[in-house]
Protein backbone atom coordinates (compact mmCIF):
# COMPACT_ATOMS: atom_id res chain seq x y z
CA MET A 1 -7.77 -3.51 -24.20
CA GLU A 2 -7.07 0.15 -24.87
CA SER A 3 -4.22 0.43 -27.29
CA GLY A 4 -1.41 2.86 -27.79
CA HIS A 5 0.23 5.42 -25.54
CA ASN A 6 -1.15 8.89 -25.06
CA SER A 7 1.00 11.79 -26.15
CA THR A 8 -1.23 14.49 -24.68
CA PRO A 9 1.05 17.31 -23.50
CA ALA A 10 1.10 18.74 -20.01
CA SER A 11 -2.12 20.41 -18.91
CA GLY A 12 -1.31 23.96 -19.89
CA PRO A 13 1.26 26.19 -18.27
CA GLU A 14 2.34 25.68 -14.71
CA GLN A 15 -0.06 27.08 -12.14
CA PRO A 16 1.42 29.14 -9.31
CA LEU A 17 -0.98 29.02 -6.35
CA GLY A 18 0.90 31.47 -4.17
CA GLY A 19 3.25 34.39 -4.30
CA GLY A 20 6.98 34.33 -3.89
CA ALA A 21 10.09 34.40 -6.01
CA SER A 22 10.80 30.67 -6.26
CA PRO A 23 11.50 29.72 -9.88
CA CYS A 24 9.07 27.21 -11.34
CA PRO A 25 10.66 23.73 -11.36
CA LEU A 26 8.05 22.40 -13.81
CA ASN A 27 9.74 23.90 -16.84
CA GLU A 28 10.12 22.65 -20.42
CA GLU A 29 13.07 20.43 -19.52
CA PHE A 30 11.05 18.82 -16.74
CA ASP A 31 8.03 18.43 -19.04
CA LYS A 32 10.17 16.55 -21.54
CA LEU A 33 11.53 14.28 -18.81
CA VAL A 34 8.03 13.43 -17.57
CA GLU A 35 6.73 12.73 -21.06
CA ASP A 36 9.70 10.44 -21.78
CA LEU A 37 9.17 8.58 -18.52
CA LEU A 38 5.45 8.10 -19.16
CA GLU A 39 6.34 6.60 -22.53
CA GLU A 40 9.12 4.35 -21.23
CA TRP A 41 7.23 3.10 -18.17
CA HIS A 42 3.83 2.85 -19.84
CA VAL A 43 1.99 5.13 -17.44
CA PRO A 44 -1.01 6.90 -18.99
CA GLY A 45 -1.03 9.97 -16.78
CA LEU A 46 0.54 11.78 -13.84
CA ALA A 47 -0.16 14.86 -11.73
CA ILE A 48 2.38 16.72 -9.64
CA ALA A 49 2.49 19.49 -7.07
CA VAL A 50 5.67 21.16 -5.82
CA ILE A 51 5.50 23.32 -2.71
CA ASP A 52 8.47 25.67 -2.50
CA GLY A 53 8.45 28.45 0.05
CA ASP A 54 5.39 30.60 -0.61
CA SER A 55 4.82 29.12 -4.07
CA THR A 56 2.90 26.02 -5.05
CA TRP A 57 3.30 24.72 -8.59
CA THR A 58 0.95 22.10 -10.06
CA LYS A 59 0.67 20.39 -13.42
CA GLY A 60 -0.91 17.40 -15.11
CA TYR A 61 0.67 15.18 -17.75
CA GLY A 62 -0.78 12.51 -20.02
CA VAL A 63 -4.31 11.18 -19.72
CA ALA A 64 -6.66 10.28 -16.91
CA GLU A 65 -8.66 8.00 -19.22
CA VAL A 66 -7.13 6.37 -22.29
CA THR A 67 -10.16 5.77 -24.51
CA SER A 68 -11.52 9.31 -24.22
CA ASN A 69 -8.02 10.84 -24.11
CA THR A 70 -9.14 12.93 -21.13
CA PRO A 71 -6.09 14.91 -19.98
CA VAL A 72 -4.80 14.84 -16.42
CA THR A 73 -5.08 18.18 -14.64
CA PRO A 74 -4.01 19.24 -11.13
CA ASN A 75 -7.65 18.67 -10.12
CA THR A 76 -7.89 15.08 -11.39
CA ILE A 77 -8.74 12.65 -8.58
CA PHE A 78 -6.40 9.71 -7.99
CA CYS A 79 -6.28 7.06 -5.28
CA SER A 80 -3.84 8.40 -2.71
CA CYS A 81 -3.33 4.86 -1.38
CA SER A 82 -1.21 4.40 1.76
CA THR A 83 -0.52 8.11 2.07
CA THR A 84 -3.97 7.99 3.75
CA LYS A 85 -2.13 6.66 6.81
CA ALA A 86 -0.86 10.15 7.58
CA PHE A 87 -4.45 11.37 8.04
CA THR A 88 -5.19 8.44 10.35
CA ALA A 89 -2.12 9.08 12.47
CA ALA A 90 -2.79 12.82 12.63
CA THR A 91 -6.38 12.13 13.67
CA VAL A 92 -5.27 9.90 16.54
CA ALA A 93 -2.77 12.58 17.59
CA GLN A 94 -5.56 15.19 17.59
CA LEU A 95 -7.87 12.88 19.50
CA ILE A 96 -5.28 12.32 22.22
CA ASP A 97 -4.19 15.97 22.35
CA SER A 98 -7.77 17.15 22.84
CA GLY A 99 -8.05 15.32 26.17
CA LYS A 100 -11.75 14.76 25.47
CA TYR A 101 -11.82 11.01 24.99
CA GLU A 102 -11.96 8.52 27.85
CA ASN A 103 -10.62 4.99 27.84
CA PRO A 104 -13.84 2.90 27.57
CA SER A 105 -12.38 0.22 29.85
CA PHE A 106 -11.27 2.69 32.54
CA PRO A 107 -13.79 5.54 32.92
CA GLY A 108 -12.14 8.77 33.97
CA LYS A 109 -8.82 7.83 32.37
CA LYS A 110 -8.05 9.67 29.13
CA VAL A 111 -6.94 7.92 25.96
CA ASP A 112 -3.22 8.42 25.32
CA TRP A 113 -0.44 6.86 23.25
CA LYS A 114 -0.01 4.02 25.72
CA THR A 115 -3.70 3.05 25.68
CA PRO A 116 -4.01 -0.58 24.56
CA ILE A 117 -6.17 -1.01 21.47
CA ALA A 118 -8.07 -3.76 23.30
CA ASP A 119 -9.17 -1.21 25.94
CA ILE A 120 -11.02 0.62 23.17
CA LEU A 121 -12.20 -2.25 20.97
CA ARG A 122 -12.45 -4.90 23.68
CA ASP A 123 -13.63 -8.24 22.25
CA ASP A 124 -13.31 -6.97 18.68
CA PHE A 125 -9.52 -6.85 19.02
CA VAL A 126 -8.19 -10.29 19.91
CA LEU A 127 -4.88 -11.70 18.67
CA GLN A 128 -3.43 -15.20 18.97
CA ASP A 129 -0.82 -13.89 21.40
CA ASP A 130 -2.41 -12.95 24.74
CA TRP A 131 0.32 -10.46 25.65
CA ALA A 132 -0.05 -8.69 22.33
CA THR A 133 -3.81 -8.53 22.72
CA ALA A 134 -3.54 -6.93 26.14
CA ASN A 135 -0.63 -4.60 25.49
CA LEU A 136 -0.41 -3.40 21.88
CA THR A 137 -1.11 0.33 21.86
CA LEU A 138 -2.29 2.96 19.41
CA GLU A 139 1.33 4.07 19.09
CA ASP A 140 2.44 0.52 18.26
CA ALA A 141 -0.24 0.17 15.59
CA LEU A 142 0.58 3.46 13.88
CA SER A 143 4.36 2.85 13.88
CA HIS A 144 4.31 -0.73 12.50
CA ARG A 145 5.94 -2.35 15.51
CA THR A 146 3.19 -4.81 16.49
CA GLY A 147 4.84 -8.03 15.28
CA PHE A 148 1.83 -8.56 13.02
CA PRO A 149 2.53 -9.42 9.36
CA ASN A 150 1.04 -7.71 6.33
CA GLN A 151 -1.86 -9.82 5.08
CA GLN A 152 -3.17 -8.71 1.70
CA LEU A 153 -5.29 -11.83 1.32
CA MET A 154 -7.53 -10.71 4.19
CA TYR A 155 -9.00 -7.94 2.07
CA GLY A 156 -11.95 -8.34 -0.22
CA SER A 157 -14.24 -10.78 1.55
CA LYS A 158 -17.81 -10.24 0.38
CA GLY A 159 -19.92 -8.49 2.98
CA ALA A 160 -16.87 -7.57 5.05
CA SER A 161 -16.81 -4.47 7.24
CA VAL A 162 -14.08 -2.71 9.15
CA LYS A 163 -15.24 -4.45 12.32
CA SER A 164 -15.37 -7.92 10.76
CA PHE A 165 -11.88 -7.37 9.33
CA VAL A 166 -10.50 -6.48 12.75
CA ARG A 167 -12.27 -9.43 14.36
CA ALA A 168 -10.65 -11.74 11.79
CA LEU A 169 -7.17 -10.78 13.06
CA ARG A 170 -7.57 -13.43 15.78
CA HIS A 171 -7.12 -16.09 13.11
CA VAL A 172 -3.70 -14.79 11.98
CA PRO A 173 -0.51 -15.46 13.98
CA LEU A 174 2.10 -12.85 14.82
CA ASN A 175 5.39 -13.66 13.11
CA MET A 176 7.73 -11.79 15.46
CA SER A 177 7.72 -10.37 18.97
CA PRO A 178 6.03 -6.98 19.35
CA ARG A 179 8.23 -3.88 19.54
CA THR A 180 11.35 -5.70 18.40
CA ARG A 181 11.38 -4.83 14.72
CA PHE A 182 9.67 -2.65 12.13
CA GLN A 183 7.20 -4.59 10.02
CA TYR A 184 4.88 -2.71 7.72
CA THR A 185 1.31 -3.91 8.08
CA ASN A 186 -1.87 -2.38 6.75
CA SER A 187 -4.02 -4.42 9.12
CA MET A 188 -3.17 -2.44 12.25
CA TYR A 189 -4.14 0.83 10.57
CA VAL A 190 -7.56 -0.74 10.03
CA ALA A 191 -7.67 -1.50 13.77
CA ALA A 192 -6.68 2.10 14.55
CA SER A 193 -9.42 3.31 12.20
CA LEU A 194 -12.02 1.26 14.07
CA ALA A 195 -10.69 2.69 17.35
CA ILE A 196 -11.21 6.23 16.03
CA GLU A 197 -14.76 5.44 14.97
CA THR A 198 -15.50 3.78 18.32
CA LEU A 199 -14.22 6.73 20.35
CA THR A 200 -15.77 9.49 18.23
CA SER A 201 -19.02 7.72 17.28
CA GLN A 202 -18.43 8.98 13.75
CA SER A 203 -17.38 7.39 10.49
CA LEU A 204 -13.69 7.81 9.76
CA ALA A 205 -14.59 9.66 6.56
CA GLY A 206 -16.61 12.11 8.64
CA VAL A 207 -13.79 12.61 11.13
CA PHE A 208 -11.24 13.22 8.37
CA HIS A 209 -13.59 15.72 6.72
CA ASP A 210 -14.44 17.63 9.90
CA TRP A 211 -11.02 17.60 11.55
CA ILE A 212 -8.62 17.94 8.61
CA TRP A 213 -10.02 18.24 5.10
CA LYS A 214 -12.62 20.98 5.68
CA PRO A 215 -10.38 23.18 7.88
CA LEU A 216 -7.67 23.02 5.19
CA GLY A 217 -10.09 23.73 2.35
CA MET A 218 -9.50 20.28 0.84
CA ASP A 219 -12.74 20.06 -1.14
CA GLU A 220 -11.30 17.63 -3.73
CA THR A 221 -10.54 14.85 -1.25
CA TYR A 222 -12.87 11.89 -0.77
CA PHE A 223 -13.09 8.52 0.97
CA THR A 224 -14.55 6.38 -1.82
CA PRO A 225 -14.85 6.50 -5.63
CA GLU A 226 -18.60 6.71 -5.14
CA ASP A 227 -18.23 9.85 -2.99
CA ALA A 228 -16.00 11.44 -5.62
CA ALA A 229 -18.32 10.55 -8.50
CA LYS A 230 -21.35 11.83 -6.58
CA ALA A 231 -19.57 15.16 -6.11
CA GLY A 232 -18.96 15.40 -9.87
CA ALA A 233 -15.19 15.05 -9.51
CA LYS A 234 -13.11 13.96 -12.47
CA LEU A 235 -11.57 10.62 -11.56
CA ALA A 236 -8.54 9.07 -13.20
CA LYS A 237 -8.96 5.49 -14.36
CA GLY A 238 -6.35 2.91 -13.39
CA TYR A 239 -4.46 0.69 -15.86
CA TYR A 240 -1.76 -1.85 -16.41
CA TRP A 241 0.27 -2.30 -19.60
CA ASP A 242 -0.10 -5.62 -21.40
CA ALA A 243 3.25 -5.93 -23.17
CA ALA A 244 2.13 -8.94 -25.21
CA ASP A 245 -0.72 -7.00 -26.79
CA GLY A 246 0.95 -3.58 -26.67
CA ALA A 247 -2.09 -2.08 -24.98
CA TYR A 248 -3.40 -0.66 -21.74
CA VAL A 249 -5.91 -2.71 -19.79
CA GLY A 250 -8.37 -0.78 -17.65
CA VAL A 251 -8.65 -1.84 -14.01
CA PRO A 252 -11.89 -1.35 -12.02
CA TYR A 253 -11.59 0.43 -8.69
CA LEU A 254 -10.92 -2.01 -5.89
CA PRO A 255 -13.64 -2.09 -3.24
CA LEU A 256 -11.98 -0.02 -0.52
CA LYS A 257 -14.36 -0.55 2.41
CA GLU A 258 -11.89 -2.50 4.53
CA LEU A 259 -8.94 -0.28 3.54
CA THR A 260 -10.43 2.65 5.48
CA GLY A 261 -7.64 4.66 7.23
CA ASP A 262 -5.05 2.30 5.79
CA GLY A 263 -5.44 3.50 2.20
CA ALA A 264 -8.94 4.56 1.14
CA ALA A 265 -8.53 8.29 0.50
CA MET A 266 -8.75 9.81 -2.98
CA SER A 267 -7.58 13.28 -3.86
CA SER A 268 -5.98 15.68 -6.32
CA VAL A 269 -2.45 17.07 -6.15
CA HIS A 270 -4.09 20.50 -5.89
CA ASP A 271 -5.69 19.43 -2.60
CA TYR A 272 -2.75 17.43 -1.28
CA ALA A 273 -0.53 20.48 -1.72
CA LYS A 274 -2.67 22.16 0.95
CA TRP A 275 -2.07 19.22 3.27
CA ILE A 276 1.69 19.28 2.76
CA ARG A 277 1.85 23.05 3.16
CA ALA A 278 -0.01 22.73 6.47
CA LEU A 279 2.64 20.26 7.66
CA LEU A 280 5.52 22.41 6.40
CA ASN A 281 4.18 25.55 8.07
CA GLU A 282 2.83 23.74 11.16
CA ASP A 283 -0.58 25.18 10.40
CA LYS A 284 -2.86 25.89 13.36
CA VAL A 285 -5.31 23.23 12.20
CA PHE A 286 -3.14 21.14 14.56
CA SER A 287 -1.54 22.15 17.83
CA LYS A 288 2.25 22.26 18.10
CA THR A 289 2.05 19.05 20.12
CA VAL A 290 0.21 17.25 17.30
CA HIS A 291 2.71 18.46 14.71
CA ASP A 292 5.53 17.18 16.90
CA GLU A 293 3.88 13.82 17.55
CA ILE A 294 3.35 13.20 13.84
CA LYS A 295 7.06 13.68 13.13
CA ILE A 296 8.75 11.94 16.08
CA PRO A 297 10.55 8.74 14.97
CA ARG A 298 9.18 5.66 16.76
CA ILE A 299 11.22 2.76 15.35
CA PHE A 300 14.03 2.27 12.84
CA ASP A 301 12.68 0.66 9.69
CA SER A 302 16.09 -0.24 8.29
CA PRO A 303 19.48 -1.00 9.88
CA THR A 304 21.38 0.82 7.11
CA PRO A 305 21.10 4.37 5.73
CA GLY A 306 20.70 3.48 2.06
CA ILE A 307 20.31 6.80 0.22
CA TYR A 308 19.92 8.72 3.49
CA ASP A 309 22.43 10.15 5.94
CA THR A 310 21.14 7.95 8.77
CA PRO A 311 19.06 4.76 8.93
CA PRO A 312 15.44 5.74 8.22
CA ALA A 313 12.80 5.45 10.92
CA TYR A 314 9.01 5.35 10.96
CA ALA A 315 7.14 8.11 12.74
CA LEU A 316 3.31 8.21 12.62
CA GLY A 317 2.17 7.64 9.04
CA TRP A 318 5.52 8.91 7.75
CA ARG A 319 9.04 7.58 7.20
CA THR A 320 11.71 9.99 8.29
CA SER A 321 15.47 10.47 8.04
CA SER A 322 18.01 13.03 6.87
CA TYR A 323 18.77 13.53 3.17
CA LYS A 324 21.98 15.41 2.32
CA GLY A 325 21.77 17.23 5.64
CA HIS A 326 18.05 17.99 5.46
CA ARG A 327 15.35 16.34 7.58
CA ILE A 328 12.76 14.62 5.42
CA TRP A 329 9.39 12.93 5.92
CA THR A 330 8.08 10.75 3.12
CA HIS A 331 5.51 8.10 2.28
CA ASN A 332 4.41 6.26 -0.81
CA GLY A 333 1.41 4.12 -1.60
CA GLY A 334 -0.01 1.89 -4.26
CA THR A 335 -3.01 -0.18 -5.29
CA ASP A 336 -3.44 -2.51 -8.24
CA SER A 337 -3.67 0.48 -10.58
CA PHE A 338 -2.48 3.66 -8.82
CA GLY A 339 0.67 4.98 -7.22
CA ALA A 340 1.40 7.91 -4.90
CA GLU A 341 4.63 9.57 -3.73
CA VAL A 342 4.55 12.31 -1.08
CA ARG A 343 7.41 13.99 0.80
CA PHE A 344 8.28 17.18 2.62
CA LEU A 345 11.47 18.83 3.94
CA PRO A 346 10.53 21.45 6.57
CA GLY A 347 13.97 23.05 6.71
CA LEU A 348 13.70 23.89 3.03
CA LYS A 349 9.94 24.64 3.11
CA PHE A 350 9.80 22.19 0.24
CA GLY A 351 7.34 19.41 -0.56
CA ILE A 352 6.31 17.16 -3.45
CA VAL A 353 3.12 15.28 -4.31
CA ILE A 354 2.93 12.90 -7.29
CA PHE A 355 -0.06 10.76 -8.27
CA ALA A 356 -0.29 8.48 -11.32
CA ASN A 357 -2.53 5.75 -12.68
CA THR A 358 -0.67 2.44 -12.82
CA ALA A 359 0.60 0.05 -10.15
CA THR A 360 4.28 0.26 -9.11
CA SER A 361 5.54 1.84 -12.34
CA SER A 362 3.80 5.02 -11.14
CA ASN A 363 5.82 4.81 -7.92
CA TYR A 364 9.04 4.29 -9.87
CA ILE A 365 8.44 7.43 -11.90
CA GLY A 366 7.39 9.31 -8.77
CA LEU A 367 10.56 8.27 -6.97
CA LEU A 368 12.77 9.33 -9.87
CA LEU A 369 11.04 12.70 -10.31
CA SER A 370 10.95 13.40 -6.57
CA HIS A 371 14.68 12.89 -6.26
CA LYS A 372 15.40 15.04 -9.27
CA LEU A 373 13.35 17.86 -7.78
CA MET A 374 14.94 17.47 -4.34
CA ASP A 375 18.46 17.25 -5.75
CA ASP A 376 17.83 20.33 -7.90
CA LYS A 377 16.52 22.22 -4.88
CA ILE A 378 19.53 21.26 -2.77
CA GLY A 379 21.94 21.95 -5.63
CA LEU A 380 23.42 18.46 -5.54
CA PRO A 381 26.09 17.99 -8.25
CA GLN A 382 25.19 15.51 -10.99
CA ASP A 383 28.07 13.19 -10.10
CA LYS A 384 26.74 12.90 -6.53
CA ARG A 385 23.25 11.84 -7.58
CA GLU A 386 21.87 8.30 -7.59
CA ASP A 387 21.52 6.60 -10.95
CA TRP A 388 17.79 6.12 -10.50
CA PRO A 389 17.00 5.11 -14.11
CA THR A 390 19.38 2.14 -13.95
CA LYS A 391 18.36 1.13 -10.42
CA LEU A 392 14.67 1.22 -11.25
CA ARG A 393 15.00 -0.66 -14.54
CA GLU A 394 16.90 -3.42 -12.74
CA SER A 395 14.33 -3.49 -9.96
CA TRP A 396 11.47 -3.67 -12.47
CA ALA A 397 13.08 -6.57 -14.30
CA ARG A 398 13.28 -8.51 -11.03
CA LEU A 399 9.73 -7.59 -10.10
CA MET A 400 8.28 -8.75 -13.41
CA SER A 401 9.99 -12.13 -13.36
CA VAL A 402 9.26 -15.32 -11.48
CA PRO A 403 12.36 -16.14 -9.41
CA ASP A 404 13.92 -19.39 -10.61
CA GLU A 405 15.25 -20.22 -7.17
CA VAL A 406 11.93 -20.21 -5.23
CA ALA A 407 11.52 -24.01 -5.12
CA GLU A 408 15.21 -24.42 -4.30
CA PHE A 409 14.97 -21.89 -1.49
CA LEU A 410 11.75 -23.29 -0.02
CA PHE A 411 12.74 -26.93 -0.36
CA PRO A 412 16.54 -27.15 -0.27
CA ASP A 413 16.46 -30.90 0.53
CA ARG A 414 14.00 -31.88 -2.18
CA PRO A 415 14.95 -34.98 -4.23
CA LYS A 416 16.16 -34.56 -7.79
CA GLU A 417 13.29 -36.73 -8.94
CA GLY A 418 10.25 -35.68 -6.93
CA LEU A 419 7.78 -38.21 -5.58
CA LYS A 420 4.34 -38.28 -7.13
CA PRO A 421 1.38 -36.91 -5.13
CA ALA A 422 -0.34 -39.53 -2.97
CA ALA A 423 -3.73 -38.97 -4.62
CA PRO A 424 -4.90 -38.28 -8.18
CA LEU A 425 -4.83 -34.56 -9.01
CA THR A 426 -8.61 -34.49 -9.27
CA SER A 427 -8.73 -35.43 -5.57
CA TYR A 428 -7.09 -32.11 -4.72
CA SER A 429 -9.86 -30.18 -6.45
CA GLY A 430 -12.49 -28.67 -4.20
CA THR A 431 -13.27 -25.80 -1.87
CA TYR A 432 -10.91 -24.97 1.01
CA LEU A 433 -11.61 -22.55 3.86
CA HIS A 434 -9.59 -20.39 6.24
CA PRO A 435 -11.53 -18.23 8.76
CA ALA A 436 -9.56 -15.04 7.96
CA PHE A 437 -8.94 -15.49 4.25
CA GLY A 438 -12.19 -17.10 3.18
CA GLU A 439 -12.66 -19.73 0.51
CA LEU A 440 -10.25 -20.98 -2.15
CA LYS A 441 -11.55 -23.05 -5.02
CA VAL A 442 -8.81 -25.43 -6.19
CA GLU A 443 -8.89 -27.06 -9.62
CA ALA A 444 -6.62 -29.53 -11.35
CA GLY A 445 -4.51 -28.21 -14.22
CA ALA A 446 -3.34 -24.67 -14.95
CA PRO A 447 -5.33 -21.43 -15.38
CA PRO A 448 -6.23 -20.29 -18.91
CA LYS A 449 -3.34 -17.82 -18.93
CA PRO A 450 -0.76 -19.09 -16.43
CA PHE A 451 1.65 -16.60 -14.96
CA CYS A 452 4.34 -19.14 -14.17
CA LYS A 453 6.24 -21.31 -16.63
CA GLY A 454 6.93 -24.18 -14.23
CA ASN A 455 5.09 -27.44 -13.64
CA ILE A 456 1.72 -25.94 -12.68
CA GLU A 457 -0.67 -28.79 -11.89
CA LEU A 458 -3.20 -27.07 -9.63
CA TRP A 459 -4.65 -23.58 -9.50
CA ALA A 460 -7.12 -21.74 -7.30
CA THR A 461 -9.36 -18.68 -7.13
CA ARG A 462 -11.32 -16.85 -4.41
CA PRO A 463 -14.96 -17.32 -5.48
CA THR A 464 -16.51 -15.36 -2.60
CA ALA A 465 -14.11 -12.39 -2.65
CA THR A 466 -14.49 -8.90 -4.10
CA TRP A 467 -10.71 -8.79 -4.60
CA GLY A 468 -9.98 -11.53 -7.12
CA TRP A 469 -6.81 -13.56 -6.64
CA THR A 470 -5.34 -16.44 -8.61
CA PHE A 471 -3.00 -19.04 -7.12
CA GLU A 472 -0.81 -21.37 -9.15
CA PHE A 473 0.63 -24.49 -7.51
CA GLU A 474 3.90 -25.93 -8.80
CA HIS A 475 4.54 -29.50 -7.72
CA VAL A 476 7.84 -30.23 -5.93
CA SER A 477 7.61 -33.69 -4.37
CA GLY A 478 4.89 -35.76 -2.73
CA GLU A 479 2.50 -33.40 -0.95
CA TYR A 480 4.85 -30.40 -1.17
CA TRP A 481 4.18 -27.57 -3.59
CA VAL A 482 5.16 -23.96 -4.28
CA ALA A 483 2.25 -21.51 -4.48
CA TYR A 484 2.41 -18.31 -6.54
CA SER A 485 -0.28 -15.65 -6.14
CA TYR A 486 -1.32 -12.54 -8.04
CA LEU A 487 -4.29 -10.20 -8.22
CA ASP A 488 -6.70 -10.91 -11.08
CA SER A 489 -6.78 -7.18 -11.76
CA LEU A 490 -2.98 -7.13 -12.14
CA PRO A 491 -2.03 -10.46 -13.72
CA ILE A 492 1.35 -9.22 -14.92
CA MET A 493 2.88 -8.98 -11.44
CA LEU A 494 3.58 -11.71 -8.89
CA ARG A 495 2.46 -10.71 -5.38
CA SER A 496 3.73 -13.53 -3.18
CA THR A 497 5.02 -17.08 -3.03
CA GLY A 498 4.54 -19.74 -0.41
CA ARG A 499 5.47 -23.22 0.75
CA VAL A 500 2.48 -25.59 0.65
CA GLN A 501 1.90 -29.02 2.13
CA PHE A 502 -1.35 -30.82 1.36
CA LYS A 503 -2.75 -33.08 4.08
CA ILE A 504 -3.98 -36.62 3.41
CA ALA A 505 -6.43 -38.08 5.93
CA SER A 506 -6.41 -41.69 7.12
CA ASP A 507 -9.01 -42.58 4.49
CA GLY A 508 -6.62 -41.50 1.75
CA GLN A 509 -8.60 -38.35 0.90
CA VAL A 510 -7.19 -34.81 0.76
CA SER A 511 -8.32 -33.00 3.92
CA GLY A 512 -6.67 -29.60 3.53
CA PHE A 513 -3.35 -27.83 3.12
CA GLU A 514 -0.93 -25.71 5.12
CA VAL A 515 0.80 -22.70 3.57
CA GLU A 516 3.61 -20.39 4.67
CA TRP A 517 3.65 -17.17 2.64
CA ASP A 518 6.58 -14.90 1.77
CA ILE A 519 9.36 -16.74 3.58
CA HIS A 520 11.58 -16.21 0.53
CA ALA A 521 11.56 -12.41 0.93
CA PRO A 522 15.02 -10.95 1.68
CA GLY A 523 15.23 -10.33 5.41
CA GLY A 524 11.59 -11.30 5.78
CA ALA A 525 10.16 -13.30 8.62
CA GLY A 526 7.38 -14.71 6.47
CA SER A 527 3.76 -14.13 7.32
CA GLY A 528 3.06 -17.26 9.32
CA LYS A 529 1.49 -20.67 8.73
CA PHE A 530 -2.13 -20.98 7.73
CA THR A 531 -4.27 -24.08 7.47
CA PHE A 532 -7.05 -24.33 4.91
CA ALA A 533 -9.57 -27.12 5.57
CA LYS A 534 -11.20 -28.85 2.63
CA ILE A 535 -14.95 -28.34 3.01
CA ALA A 536 -16.26 -29.56 -0.36
């Protein structure tokens, strides 16, 4: 535990990185707002860059490391999380635009947006749906329209590689028809990353460096914490706030090997400002065609506008819509201890980058600050602005609670007095295996510090995983249970819930269980059914 909240002021005066007459938005009033938000939301530190016309303003607030009280600066390295996807998409666009890369399955035919992923990866890319295997394209993968669900539990298997991750996709069912609906999934960006490496015969980190980072002078951007540390970069440490103890808890960096082009990049706001400026100015590091391809909407990701003028869509590594009459491209990202918010409005020559070192609460602050800066730039009257503080506090309260209605939603016909399990609880203990998710070790009872307050009678861990997860099983009736899961590195936040049915063999012994994850999510299709076999 690392107690208290840092009150280190912003890292010196604002730093203009270019000429121009734009007034600095990171003024004393803004500083006070950021410091208040860091205190309220229990975020140790935050860095921000604002690109406005010819000016770029950067500043750091709070601390990168609590114990040493090391201040955040514009050069502090944070995980940039899913904003990495924009590099992956831009790289594929460059690869296609170059006309240099042939389809491995059809020599003489160039790779394009309609090239099926299976043509490139062949037997490494096999899905449970034959049509999807044969037809899903690079464009489908990068625009989240594959019908494949997001599967966080696939990450973190010991000894896993990008290739073994992609090969494991064959063990996970699609949960909707391809190209019918937007469904955010990290897994297909991993497949696209492997496709890039296969075509270029380079590591993705090397391609990013040679094609994007080096040409833009991004010498504070890395692919792993080890790369950053080796270069002598100053890395922020990630945290979560333990409200019970009134202290920060440090979180080790997640092993990011399988995240690759899905979310592995690390950078500073100083460097990311160069990236956003290149997109705003349509820098010649990319052709005009590549700039256009990056921005073209591919699928609506919501049926309603929400805060935008029109329903938002997903382009390639970016969400896009119109905000108060101005076209906007935006993306966020998060890990178990970092958050990133990035956006740009080409018509205004305006962009924002915000990195911070907690999970989710960093994104909430980034969202609030981004909208303040955008609304100020546009000149939006106060009475026309969203009440972000209230919205985000309400959202946080929901996020940090265990929904009371989960069992009722998952089992609407359950009896008032549930039936007892068919076997003694100790019979459910053991090791269970799924080919994509690895092993779960189930034990009778509840974990030492249970997350849920219900009738938790079984719990499980992932003994062979580098990403630790805990699962709590609440009994409903007979062999039916509700499962709750959370990352061991972030035990204050529920990640998913699922409907579980244990299987009893003819000899009366527990033989496995079937689980459906996330079917309670509003508007969600769930992430499919998975069967774990009891192996010990």
